[in-house]
């Protein structure tokens, strides 16, 4: 399963644009895994709900089953940070 990071998320990943996981069974465990790999600030960024949108195979997380959505080999999770404008 591949996780893709865009724009502001790259600040938390040290510039890494993707991450491969074979261990996570659902979105919740994936977020825990990403927090262990990239640090607790990134985990906080993911779960705050106001920082980014998570897509599972092109669908919004809620449409895909929420935090308990099951992950399969070949799935793609995208982390799309919200854009701030002033």
PDB file of N, CA and C in Angstrom:
ATOM      1  N   UNK A   1       0.847  -1.155   0.000  1.00  0.00           N
ATOM      2  CA  UNK A   1       0.000   0.000   0.000  1.00  0.00           C
ATOM      3  C   UNK A   1       0.901   1.228   0.000  1.00  0.00           C
ATOM      4  N   UNK A   2       0.517   2.220  -0.799  1.00  0.00           N
ATOM      5  CA  UNK A   2       1.331   3.418  -0.956  1.00  0.00           C
ATOM      6  C   UNK A   2       0.625   4.622  -0.352  1.00  0.00           C
ATOM      7  N   UNK A   3       1.387   5.444   0.376  1.00  0.00           N
ATOM      8  CA  UNK A   3       0.887   6.719   0.889  1.00  0.00           C
ATOM      9  C   UNK A   3       1.614   7.815   0.118  1.00  0.00           C
ATOM     10  N   UNK A   4       0.850   8.754  -0.436  1.00  0.00           N
ATOM     11  CA  UNK A   4       1.418   9.871  -1.183  1.00  0.00           C
ATOM     12  C   UNK A   4       1.213  11.158  -0.397  1.00  0.00           C
ATOM     13  N   UNK A   5       2.246  11.983  -0.343  1.00  0.00           N
ATOM     14  CA  UNK A   5       2.206  13.241   0.401  1.00  0.00           C
ATOM     15  C   UNK A   5       2.326  14.411  -0.572  1.00  0.00           C
ATOM     16  N   UNK A   6       1.566  15.464  -0.296  1.00  0.00           N
ATOM     17  CA  UNK A   6       1.572  16.647  -1.149  1.00  0.00           C
ATOM     18  C   UNK A   6       1.833  17.907  -0.327  1.00  0.00           C
ATOM     19  N   UNK A   7       2.356  18.904  -0.963  1.00  0.00           N
ATOM     20  CA  UNK A   7       2.625  20.267  -0.475  1.00  0.00           C
ATOM     21  C   UNK A   7       3.005  20.312   1.004  1.00  0.00           C
ATOM     22  N   UNK A   8       2.182  20.905   1.854  1.00  0.00           N
ATOM     23  CA  UNK A   8       2.514  21.143   3.252  1.00  0.00           C
ATOM     24  C   UNK A   8       2.835  19.896   4.053  1.00  0.00           C
ATOM     25  N   UNK A   9       2.378  18.739   3.616  1.00  0.00           N
ATOM     26  CA  UNK A   9       2.696  17.493   4.324  1.00  0.00           C
ATOM     27  C   UNK A   9       4.180  17.171   4.217  1.00  0.00           C
ATOM     28  N   UNK A  10       4.816  17.656   3.160  1.00  0.00           N
ATOM     29  CA  UNK A  10       6.236  17.366   2.947  1.00  0.00           C
ATOM     30  C   UNK A  10       7.106  17.955   4.059  1.00  0.00           C
ATOM     31  N   UNK A  11       6.617  19.012   4.704  1.00  0.00           N
ATOM     32  CA  UNK A  11       7.352  19.595   5.830  1.00  0.00           C
ATOM     33  C   UNK A  11       7.498  18.591   6.968  1.00  0.00           C
ATOM     34  N   UNK A  12       6.528  17.699   7.107  1.00  0.00           N
ATOM     35  CA  UNK A  12       6.521  16.719   8.193  1.00  0.00           C
ATOM     36  C   UNK A  12       7.226  15.423   7.810  1.00  0.00           C
ATOM     37  N   UNK A  13       7.427  15.203   6.510  1.00  0.00           N
ATOM     38  CA  UNK A  13       8.023  13.948   6.055  1.00  0.00           C
ATOM     39  C   UNK A  13       9.486  14.100   5.668  1.00  0.00           C
ATOM     40  N   UNK A  14      10.054  15.270   5.931  1.00  0.00           N
ATOM     41  CA  UNK A  14      11.433  15.502   5.542  1.00  0.00           C
ATOM     42  C   UNK A  14      11.613  15.535   4.034  1.00  0.00           C
ATOM     43  N   UNK A  15      10.530  15.856   3.336  1.00  0.00           N
ATOM     44  CA  UNK A  15      10.582  15.935   1.879  1.00  0.00           C
ATOM     45  C   UNK A  15      10.191  14.654   1.164  1.00  0.00           C
ATOM     46  N   UNK A  16       9.961  13.578   1.918  1.00  0.00           N
ATOM     47  CA  UNK A  16       9.549  12.311   1.290  1.00  0.00           C
ATOM     48  C   UNK A  16       8.176  12.485   0.654  1.00  0.00           C
ATOM     49  N   UNK A  17       8.038  12.088  -0.591  1.00  0.00           N
ATOM     50  CA  UNK A  17       6.778  12.237  -1.321  1.00  0.00           C
ATOM     51  C   UNK A  17       5.895  10.990  -1.227  1.00  0.00           C
ATOM     52  N   UNK A  18       6.477   9.887  -0.752  1.00  0.00           N
ATOM     53  CA  UNK A  18       5.682   8.664  -0.632  1.00  0.00           C
ATOM     54  C   UNK A  18       6.248   7.775   0.468  1.00  0.00           C
ATOM     55  N   UNK A  19       5.430   6.808   0.852  1.00  0.00           N
ATOM     56  CA  UNK A  19       5.797   5.851   1.898  1.00  0.00           C
ATOM     57  C   UNK A  19       5.095   4.543   1.563  1.00  0.00           C
ATOM     58  N   UNK A  20       5.798   3.442   1.688  1.00  0.00           N
ATOM     59  CA  UNK A  20       5.226   2.123   1.425  1.00  0.00           C
ATOM     60  C   UNK A  20       4.973   1.400   2.743  1.00  0.00           C
ATOM     61  N   UNK A  21       3.794   0.821   2.885  1.00  0.00           N
ATOM     62  CA  UNK A  21       3.450   0.081   4.091  1.00  0.00           C
ATOM     63  C   UNK A  21       2.872  -1.274   3.706  1.00  0.00           C
ATOM     64  N   UNK A  22       3.303  -2.287   4.415  1.00  0.00           N
ATOM     65  CA  UNK A  22       2.726  -3.623   4.253  1.00  0.00           C
ATOM     66  C   UNK A  22       2.117  -4.114   5.556  1.00  0.00           C
ATOM     67  N   UNK A  23       2.210  -3.301   6.608  1.00  0.00           N
ATOM     68  CA  UNK A  23       1.823  -3.753   7.936  1.00  0.00           C
ATOM     69  C   UNK A  23       0.455  -3.266   8.399  1.00  0.00           C
ATOM     70  N   UNK A  24       0.028  -2.109   7.952  1.00  0.00           N
ATOM     71  CA  UNK A  24      -1.204  -1.507   8.482  1.00  0.00           C
ATOM     72  C   UNK A  24      -2.440  -2.190   7.906  1.00  0.00           C
ATOM     73  N   UNK A  25      -3.366  -2.489   8.806  1.00  0.00           N
ATOM     74  CA  UNK A  25      -4.596  -3.167   8.417  1.00  0.00           C
ATOM     75  C   UNK A  25      -5.739  -2.203   8.112  1.00  0.00           C
ATOM     76  N   UNK A  26      -5.676  -1.005   8.714  1.00  0.00           N
ATOM     77  CA  UNK A  26      -6.723  -0.003   8.511  1.00  0.00           C
ATOM     78  C   UNK A  26      -6.108   1.392   8.623  1.00  0.00           C
ATOM     79  N   UNK A  27      -6.906   2.409   8.362  1.00  0.00           N
ATOM     80  CA  UNK A  27      -6.412   3.785   8.379  1.00  0.00           C
ATOM     81  C   UNK A  27      -5.857   4.150   9.758  1.00  0.00           C
ATOM     82  N   UNK A  28      -6.548   3.750  10.794  1.00  0.00           N
ATOM     83  CA  UNK A  28      -6.097   4.073  12.160  1.00  0.00           C
ATOM     84  C   UNK A  28      -4.690   3.524  12.413  1.00  0.00           C
ATOM     85  N   UNK A  29      -4.455   2.274  12.056  1.00  0.00           N
ATOM     86  CA  UNK A  29      -3.120   1.698  12.282  1.00  0.00           C
ATOM     87  C   UNK A  29      -2.087   2.315  11.339  1.00  0.00           C
ATOM     88  N   UNK A  30      -2.500   2.740  10.161  1.00  0.00           N
ATOM     89  CA  UNK A  30      -1.589   3.428   9.251  1.00  0.00           C
ATOM     90  C   UNK A  30      -1.130   4.755   9.845  1.00  0.00           C
ATOM     91  N   UNK A  31      -2.058   5.503  10.433  1.00  0.00           N
ATOM     92  CA  UNK A  31      -1.700   6.775  11.055  1.00  0.00           C
ATOM     93  C   UNK A  31      -0.727   6.548  12.206  1.00  0.00           C
ATOM     94  N   UNK A  32      -0.938   5.488  12.992  1.00  0.00           N
ATOM     95  CA  UNK A  32       0.006   5.153  14.062  1.00  0.00           C
ATOM     96  C   UNK A  32       1.385   4.831  13.477  1.00  0.00           C
ATOM     97  N   UNK A  33       1.402   4.062  12.397  1.00  0.00           N
ATOM     98  CA  UNK A  33       2.661   3.696  11.746  1.00  0.00           C
ATOM     99  C   UNK A  33       3.385   4.935  11.206  1.00  0.00           C
ATOM    100  N   UNK A  34       2.639   5.832  10.562  1.00  0.00           N
ATOM    101  CA  UNK A  34       3.241   7.060  10.037  1.00  0.00           C
ATOM    102  C   UNK A  34       3.775   7.936  11.165  1.00  0.00           C
ATOM    103  N   UNK A  35       3.059   7.962  12.297  1.00  0.00           N
ATOM    104  CA  UNK A  35       3.528   8.708  13.457  1.00  0.00           C
ATOM    105  C   UNK A  35       4.834   8.149  13.998  1.00  0.00           C
ATOM    106  N   UNK A  36       4.957   6.837  14.019  1.00  0.00           N
ATOM    107  CA  UNK A  36       6.205   6.216  14.467  1.00  0.00           C
ATOM    108  C   UNK A  36       7.343   6.520  13.500  1.00  0.00           C
ATOM    109  N   UNK A  37       7.043   6.511  12.211  1.00  0.00           N
ATOM    110  CA  UNK A  37       8.088   6.719  11.202  1.00  0.00           C
ATOM    111  C   UNK A  37       8.498   8.187  11.064  1.00  0.00           C
ATOM    112  N   UNK A  38       7.516   9.096  11.016  1.00  0.00           N
ATOM    113  CA  UNK A  38       7.794  10.510  10.764  1.00  0.00           C
ATOM    114  C   UNK A  38       7.719  11.387  12.010  1.00  0.00           C
ATOM    115  N   UNK A  39       7.233  10.857  13.117  1.00  0.00           N
ATOM    116  CA  UNK A  39       7.186  11.617  14.365  1.00  0.00           C
ATOM    117  C   UNK A  39       5.773  11.990  14.793  1.00  0.00           C
ATOM    118  N   UNK A  40       5.647  12.285  16.081  1.00  0.00           N
ATOM    119  CA  UNK A  40       4.334  12.560  16.668  1.00  0.00           C
ATOM    120  C   UNK A  40       3.700  13.840  16.121  1.00  0.00           C
ATOM    121  N   UNK A  41       4.508  14.823  15.710  1.00  0.00           N
ATOM    122  CA  UNK A  41       3.937  16.048  15.132  1.00  0.00           C
ATOM    123  C   UNK A  41       3.195  15.736  13.836  1.00  0.00           C
ATOM    124  N   UNK A  42       3.720  14.783  13.059  1.00  0.00           N
ATOM    125  CA  UNK A  42       3.037  14.406  11.824  1.00  0.00           C
ATOM    126  C   UNK A  42       1.735  13.674  12.139  1.00  0.00           C
ATOM    127  N   UNK A  43       1.762  12.810  13.138  1.00  0.00           N
ATOM    128  CA  UNK A  43       0.539  12.119  13.540  1.00  0.00           C
ATOM    129  C   UNK A  43      -0.515  13.131  13.977  1.00  0.00           C
ATOM    130  N   UNK A  44      -0.115  14.116  14.768  1.00  0.00           N
ATOM    131  CA  UNK A  44      -1.042  15.167  15.191  1.00  0.00           C
ATOM    132  C   UNK A  44      -1.599  15.922  13.984  1.00  0.00           C
ATOM    133  N   UNK A  45      -0.736  16.197  13.016  1.00  0.00           N
ATOM    134  CA  UNK A  45      -1.146  16.868  11.777  1.00  0.00           C
ATOM    135  C   UNK A  45      -2.235  16.060  11.064  1.00  0.00           C
ATOM    136  N   UNK A  46      -2.082  14.744  11.035  1.00  0.00           N
ATOM    137  CA  UNK A  46      -3.033  13.881  10.337  1.00  0.00           C
ATOM    138  C   UNK A  46      -4.378  13.772  11.043  1.00  0.00           C
ATOM    139  N   UNK A  47      -4.367  13.711  12.353  1.00  0.00           N
ATOM    140  CA  UNK A  47      -5.607  13.452  13.080  1.00  0.00           C
ATOM    141  C   UNK A  47      -6.354  14.707  13.506  1.00  0.00           C
ATOM    142  N   UNK A  48      -5.754  15.878  13.359  1.00  0.00           N
ATOM    143  CA  UNK A  48      -6.413  17.105  13.807  1.00  0.00           C
ATOM    144  C   UNK A  48      -7.699  17.388  13.038  1.00  0.00           C
ATOM    145  N   UNK A  49      -7.799  16.915  11.805  1.00  0.00           N
ATOM    146  CA  UNK A  49      -9.023  17.098  11.033  1.00  0.00           C
ATOM    147  C   UNK A  49      -9.160  18.442  10.358  1.00  0.00           C
ATOM    148  N   UNK A  50      -8.339  19.390  10.744  1.00  0.00           N
ATOM    149  CA  UNK A  50      -8.427  20.714  10.140  1.00  0.00           C
ATOM    150  C   UNK A  50      -7.199  21.020   9.297  1.00  0.00           C
ATOM    151  N   UNK A  51      -6.256  20.086   9.247  1.00  0.00           N
ATOM    152  CA  UNK A  51      -5.010  20.302   8.524  1.00  0.00           C
ATOM    153  C   UNK A  51      -4.981  19.684   7.137  1.00  0.00           C
ATOM    154  N   UNK A  52      -5.663  18.545   6.978  1.00  0.00           N
ATOM    155  CA  UNK A  52      -5.540  17.843   5.710  1.00  0.00           C
ATOM    156  C   UNK A  52      -6.754  16.947   5.453  1.00  0.00           C
ATOM    157  N   UNK A  53      -6.812  16.503   4.224  1.00  0.00           N
ATOM    158  CA  UNK A  53      -7.833  15.568   3.772  1.00  0.00           C
ATOM    159  C   UNK A  53      -7.124  14.272   3.416  1.00  0.00           C
ATOM    160  N   UNK A  54      -7.665  13.154   3.874  1.00  0.00           N
ATOM    161  CA  UNK A  54      -7.123  11.851   3.512  1.00  0.00           C
ATOM    162  C   UNK A  54      -8.046  11.202   2.488  1.00  0.00           C
ATOM    163  N   UNK A  55      -7.452  10.709   1.425  1.00  0.00           N
ATOM    164  CA  UNK A  55      -8.198   9.993   0.395  1.00  0.00           C
ATOM    165  C   UNK A  55      -7.724   8.552   0.363  1.00  0.00           C
ATOM    166  N   UNK A  56      -8.662   7.628   0.232  1.00  0.00           N
ATOM    167  CA  UNK A  56      -8.339   6.217   0.060  1.00  0.00           C
ATOM    168  C   UNK A  56      -8.820   5.806  -1.322  1.00  0.00           C
ATOM    169  N   UNK A  57      -7.887   5.512  -2.189  1.00  0.00           N
ATOM    170  CA  UNK A  57      -8.204   5.154  -3.575  1.00  0.00           C
ATOM    171  C   UNK A  57      -9.096   6.205  -4.230  1.00  0.00           C
ATOM    172  N   UNK A  58      -8.787   7.466  -3.968  1.00  0.00           N
ATOM    173  CA  UNK A  58      -9.485   8.579  -4.601  1.00  0.00           C
ATOM    174  C   UNK A  58     -10.781   8.999  -3.934  1.00  0.00           C
ATOM    175  N   UNK A  59     -11.183   8.316  -2.864  1.00  0.00           N
ATOM    176  CA  UNK A  59     -12.416   8.654  -2.147  1.00  0.00           C
ATOM    177  C   UNK A  59     -12.083   9.305  -0.816  1.00  0.00           C
ATOM    178  N   UNK A  60     -12.889  10.279  -0.438  1.00  0.00           N
ATOM    179  CA  UNK A  60     -12.748  10.881   0.883  1.00  0.00           C
ATOM    180  C   UNK A  60     -12.834   9.804   1.946  1.00  0.00           C
ATOM    181  N   UNK A  61     -12.141  10.009   3.027  1.00  0.00           N
ATOM    182  CA  UNK A  61     -12.047   8.992   4.069  1.00  0.00           C
ATOM    183  C   UNK A  61     -13.408   8.560   4.596  1.00  0.00           C
ATOM    184  N   UNK A  62     -14.312   9.493   4.795  1.00  0.00           N
ATOM    185  CA  UNK A  62     -15.631   9.122   5.315  1.00  0.00           C
ATOM    186  C   UNK A  62     -16.388   8.239   4.318  1.00  0.00           C
ATOM    187  N   UNK A  63     -16.266   8.529   3.039  1.00  0.00           N
ATOM    188  CA  UNK A  63     -16.927   7.710   2.017  1.00  0.00           C
ATOM    189  C   UNK A  63     -16.279   6.325   1.908  1.00  0.00           C
ATOM    190  N   UNK A  64     -15.020   6.237   2.309  1.00  0.00           N
ATOM    191  CA  UNK A  64     -14.290   4.972   2.215  1.00  0.00           C
ATOM    192  C   UNK A  64     -14.435   4.105   3.462  1.00  0.00           C
ATOM    193  N   UNK A  65     -15.062   4.631   4.522  1.00  0.00           N
ATOM    194  CA  UNK A  65     -15.263   3.835   5.726  1.00  0.00           C
ATOM    195  C   UNK A  65     -14.670   4.420   6.991  1.00  0.00           C
ATOM    196  N   UNK A  66     -14.163   5.641   6.930  1.00  0.00           N
ATOM    197  CA  UNK A  66     -13.639   6.297   8.128  1.00  0.00           C
ATOM    198  C   UNK A  66     -12.312   5.726   8.586  1.00  0.00           C
ATOM    199  N   UNK A  67     -11.981   5.979   9.840  1.00  0.00           N
ATOM    200  CA  UNK A  67     -10.691   5.561  10.400  1.00  0.00           C
ATOM    201  C   UNK A  67     -10.528   4.041  10.429  1.00  0.00           C
ATOM    202  N   UNK A  68     -11.630   3.322  10.415  1.00  0.00           N
ATOM    203  CA  UNK A  68     -11.565   1.864  10.420  1.00  0.00           C
ATOM    204  C   UNK A  68     -11.543   1.245   9.037  1.00  0.00           C
ATOM    205  N   UNK A  69     -11.454   2.087   7.984  1.00  0.00           N
ATOM    206  CA  UNK A  69     -11.445   1.565   6.609  1.00  0.00           C
ATOM    207  C   UNK A  69     -10.293   0.572   6.445  1.00  0.00           C
ATOM    208  N   UNK A  70     -10.612  -0.604   5.959  1.00  0.00           N
ATOM    209  CA  UNK A  70      -9.616  -1.657   5.768  1.00  0.00           C
ATOM    210  C   UNK A  70      -8.721  -1.337   4.588  1.00  0.00           C
ATOM    211  N   UNK A  71      -7.438  -1.656   4.742  1.00  0.00           N
ATOM    212  CA  UNK A  71      -6.460  -1.423   3.693  1.00  0.00           C
ATOM    213  C   UNK A  71      -6.056  -2.742   3.056  1.00  0.00           C
ATOM    214  N   UNK A  72      -5.880  -2.696   1.755  1.00  0.00           N
ATOM    215  CA  UNK A  72      -5.512  -3.876   0.976  1.00  0.00           C
ATOM    216  C   UNK A  72      -4.222  -3.588   0.206  1.00  0.00           C
ATOM    217  N   UNK A  73      -3.470  -4.634  -0.146  1.00  0.00           N
ATOM    218  CA  UNK A  73      -2.307  -4.416  -1.011  1.00  0.00           C
ATOM    219  C   UNK A  73      -2.761  -3.718  -2.295  1.00  0.00           C
ATOM    220  N   UNK A  74      -1.990  -2.766  -2.744  1.00  0.00           N
ATOM    221  CA  UNK A  74      -2.325  -2.024  -3.955  1.00  0.00           C
ATOM    222  C   UNK A  74      -3.136  -0.765  -3.714  1.00  0.00           C
ATOM    223  N   UNK A  75      -3.625  -0.565  -2.472  1.00  0.00           N
ATOM    224  CA  UNK A  75      -4.365   0.659  -2.148  1.00  0.00           C
ATOM    225  C   UNK A  75      -3.429   1.863  -2.177  1.00  0.00           C
ATOM    226  N   UNK A  76      -4.021   3.040  -2.385  1.00  0.00           N
ATOM    227  CA  UNK A  76      -3.290   4.302  -2.323  1.00  0.00           C
ATOM    228  C   UNK A  76      -4.009   5.233  -1.358  1.00  0.00           C
ATOM    229  N   UNK A  77      -3.256   5.765  -0.415  1.00  0.00           N
ATOM    230  CA  UNK A  77      -3.757   6.781   0.508  1.00  0.00           C
ATOM    231  C   UNK A  77      -3.039   8.081   0.162  1.00  0.00           C
ATOM    232  N   UNK A  78      -3.809   9.154  -0.018  1.00  0.00           N
ATOM    233  CA  UNK A  78      -3.232  10.455  -0.324  1.00  0.00           C
ATOM    234  C   UNK A  78      -3.472  11.409   0.834  1.00  0.00           C
ATOM    235  N   UNK A  79      -2.435  12.165   1.194  1.00  0.00           N
ATOM    236  CA  UNK A  79      -2.514  13.169   2.245  1.00  0.00           C
ATOM    237  C   UNK A  79      -2.477  14.533   1.558  1.00  0.00           C
ATOM    238  N   UNK A  80      -3.631  15.205   1.543  1.00  0.00           N
ATOM    239  CA  UNK A  80      -3.763  16.492   0.865  1.00  0.00           C
ATOM    240  C   UNK A  80      -3.969  17.596   1.890  1.00  0.00           C
ATOM    241  N   UNK A  81      -2.926  18.361   2.180  1.00  0.00           N
ATOM    242  CA  UNK A  81      -3.076  19.460   3.147  1.00  0.00           C
ATOM    243  C   UNK A  81      -3.996  20.541   2.605  1.00  0.00           C
ATOM    244  N   UNK A  82      -4.753  21.145   3.515  1.00  0.00           N
ATOM    245  CA  UNK A  82      -5.576  22.280   3.131  1.00  0.00           C
ATOM    246  C   UNK A  82      -4.677  23.466   2.831  1.00  0.00           C
ATOM    247  N   UNK A  83      -5.082  24.275   1.896  1.00  0.00           N
ATOM    248  CA  UNK A  83      -4.321  25.461   1.527  1.00  0.00           C
ATOM    249  C   UNK A  83      -4.827  26.633   2.322  1.00  0.00           C
ATOM    250  N   UNK A  84      -3.897  27.366   2.924  1.00  0.00           N
ATOM    251  CA  UNK A  84      -4.272  28.565   3.677  1.00  0.00           C
ATOM    252  C   UNK A  84      -4.054  29.780   2.797  1.00  0.00           C
ATOM    253  N   UNK A  85      -5.016  30.668   2.810  1.00  0.00           N
ATOM    254  CA  UNK A  85      -4.884  31.913   2.049  1.00  0.00           C
ATOM    255  C   UNK A  85      -5.287  33.073   2.964  1.00  0.00           C
ATOM    256  N   UNK A  86      -4.735  34.200   2.694  1.00  0.00           N
ATOM    257  CA  UNK A  86      -5.054  35.316   3.572  1.00  0.00           C
ATOM    258  C   UNK A  86      -5.320  36.572   2.812  1.00  0.00           C
TER     259      UNK A  86
END
